[in-house]
Amino acid sequence: MLIGGACAVKWSALYFVPVFALLVILWEVGVRRSAGVRRPWRDALIDELPWLVLAGVLMVGTYLATWSGWLLSDDGYYRLASSYPNAPLSDTPVVGPLVNLFEYHRAAYGFHAQLDDAHKYQSWPWQWLLLGRPVAFHWSGDGACGAPSCASEILLLGTPLLWWSFLPALVALVWLGVARRDWRAGAILLTVAAGLLPWFWFALDGRTMFSFYAAPALPFLVLAVVYVLGALIAPAGGEVGEVAPLVPGDPGYERRLVGSIAAGAYVLLVGLCFAYFYPIFVGKLIPYSDWLARMWLDGRWI
């Protein structure tokens, strides 16, 4: 149901469907293998496929429910068959609205699939984690801020210190996942891939895209950072995220102490970085010089 709601917000949530389905199968196979089941793959597929089909039905139902206002009225944009002069549609009850909805989706997809016009704030997928080109939603120099010139901007910019941690965190995640054979690292990598890699394919066609396309992958990118921080403070030989008190004299005490200090300092710096950029996240009126000081990548952020 949550994926259905996510698809209603942005269709790119569909890329997560096969990844989550794969993870469900892999987890179920792992559970059966640990329990000594003779044919874990066969049993997992037989047992879980019906539930995955049911999940798909719920997902579609949830998605259609978000369109209920459009489906149950005659005032929605492109709601009636007359909006599609070249399509053999009708406005018969139940079937008509669903067919019209399909045509509406096909028209929307056709428009975006061919969208390659240049835009001031467009960017490419390899720029997103580097904050190469954020999108400005608002700008004004009007108002009084106690300085000769003022600025107010809402810039769709991630907290730089956090976002610039994503790439090294992903590299560390690969290494830790392989070295420790930890399925959690693989799960995070798969979800990040679902959120980012499809856009590299679309970039080959020169499609117009923007940095906020990376938003669905953001929770999993943060999980990558959290996983690495957990590795820094985990007990020697323990699993990432294992809770154990810091006791002087224990094996690995010095390493865990340094790791805990480093992790705490990092989180504190991310918080301070967010506070510094907060005025341009919310459009607060500040002196122009203060606004310019926050444009760290010069013209790329302006």
Foldseek 3Di string as FASTA:
>chain_A
DVLLVVCLVPVLSVLCLVLVVVVQLVVQLVVCVVVVNPDSNVVSCVPCVVVSVVVVVVSVVSNVVVCVVLLVDDPDDQQAPVSPVPDPAHDDPPVRRVVSVVVVVVVVVVVQLPAQDDDPQFDALVCQLVQQGWDWDDWDFDDDAPDPTKIFTATPGDLNLLSVVLVVLLVVLVVCCVVVVDVVSVSLVSLQCSQRVVRNVSVVVNGTHHSCSSVSNVVSSVVSVQQVLQVQQDPVVDHRPDDDDQDPPDPCSVSNVVSVVVSVVSVVVSVVSCVLCVRNNVGNMHHPVSVCVPPVVPPSHD
